[in-house]
Protein backbone atom coordinates (compact mmCIF):
# COMPACT_ATOMS: atom_id res chain seq x y z
CA MET A 1 3.89 -6.96 -14.30
CA ARG A 2 3.39 -5.87 -10.55
CA ILE A 3 0.91 -4.23 -8.44
CA LEU A 4 2.06 -2.25 -5.71
CA ILE A 5 -0.60 -0.99 -3.19
CA GLY A 6 0.50 1.71 -0.97
CA ALA A 7 -1.50 2.93 1.83
CA VAL A 8 -1.07 5.34 4.24
CA GLY A 9 -2.39 4.63 7.75
CA ARG A 10 -1.48 1.50 9.49
CA LEU A 11 -3.65 -1.32 10.25
CA LYS A 12 -4.06 -2.24 13.61
CA PRO A 13 -3.74 -6.70 14.27
CA GLY A 14 -7.79 -7.05 14.14
CA PRO A 15 -10.15 -8.05 11.42
CA GLU A 16 -9.65 -5.18 9.15
CA ARG A 17 -6.12 -6.42 9.04
CA ASP A 18 -7.05 -9.85 8.82
CA LEU A 19 -9.06 -8.98 5.67
CA ALA A 20 -6.95 -7.23 3.73
CA GLU A 21 -3.71 -9.74 3.87
CA ASP A 22 -7.09 -12.37 2.73
CA TYR A 23 -7.57 -10.18 -0.01
CA VAL A 24 -3.82 -9.83 -1.22
CA SER A 25 -3.58 -13.37 -0.66
CA ARG A 26 -6.20 -14.02 -3.19
CA ALA A 27 -5.22 -11.45 -5.71
CA ARG A 28 -1.60 -13.20 -5.61
CA LYS A 29 -2.86 -16.53 -6.65
CA LEU A 30 -5.15 -15.19 -9.40
CA ALA A 31 -2.33 -12.34 -10.59
CA ARG A 32 -0.08 -15.10 -11.57
CA GLN A 33 -2.74 -16.68 -14.25
CA ALA A 34 -3.16 -13.18 -15.40
CA GLY A 35 0.83 -13.09 -15.81
CA ILE A 36 1.21 -10.78 -12.91
CA LEU A 37 4.48 -11.68 -10.64
CA ASN A 38 4.19 -10.33 -7.56
CA ILE A 39 1.43 -7.86 -5.29
CA ASP A 40 3.05 -6.01 -2.45
CA MET A 41 1.30 -3.65 0.13
CA ILE A 42 3.14 -1.22 1.82
CA GLU A 43 1.44 0.96 5.09
CA LEU A 44 3.61 4.25 5.23
CA ALA A 45 2.61 5.96 8.79
CA GLU A 46 -0.03 9.65 8.92
CA SER A 47 1.56 12.84 9.19
CA ALA A 48 2.41 14.11 12.12
CA ALA A 49 1.83 17.83 10.49
CA ALA A 50 -0.92 20.08 12.41
CA THR A 51 -2.64 21.01 8.78
CA ALA A 52 -4.70 19.38 6.25
CA SER A 53 -2.53 20.89 3.18
CA PRO A 54 0.84 19.53 4.59
CA PRO A 55 0.03 16.18 6.37
CA LYS A 56 -1.84 15.65 2.32
CA ASP A 57 2.01 17.04 0.65
CA ASP A 58 4.26 14.77 2.80
CA GLU A 59 2.42 11.47 2.70
CA ALA A 60 2.40 12.25 -1.18
CA LEU A 61 5.50 12.73 -1.99
CA ARG A 62 6.55 9.52 1.01
CA LEU A 63 3.76 7.21 -1.29
CA LEU A 64 5.71 8.35 -4.66
CA ALA A 65 9.33 7.39 -2.70
CA ALA A 66 7.72 4.14 -2.05
CA LEU A 67 7.40 3.43 -5.81
CA PRO A 68 10.22 1.43 -7.16
CA ALA A 69 12.46 3.39 -9.60
CA ASP A 70 10.94 1.62 -12.63
CA ALA A 71 7.61 1.97 -11.69
């Protein structure tokens, strides 16, 4: 089994990014003991659409497109 964490928006360099990377690193170590092969994190840029609904739809479609075919 693999785990993929998909996020809309990009973390800037700094304490939040460091913390996220630390959590993913820790999770990878624990995951191996539970039989999880890998944990990956992808970040997608936020939508540039002007109103609320199209950005959500666009971001949802991009998250789905980022999933591996066998997910």
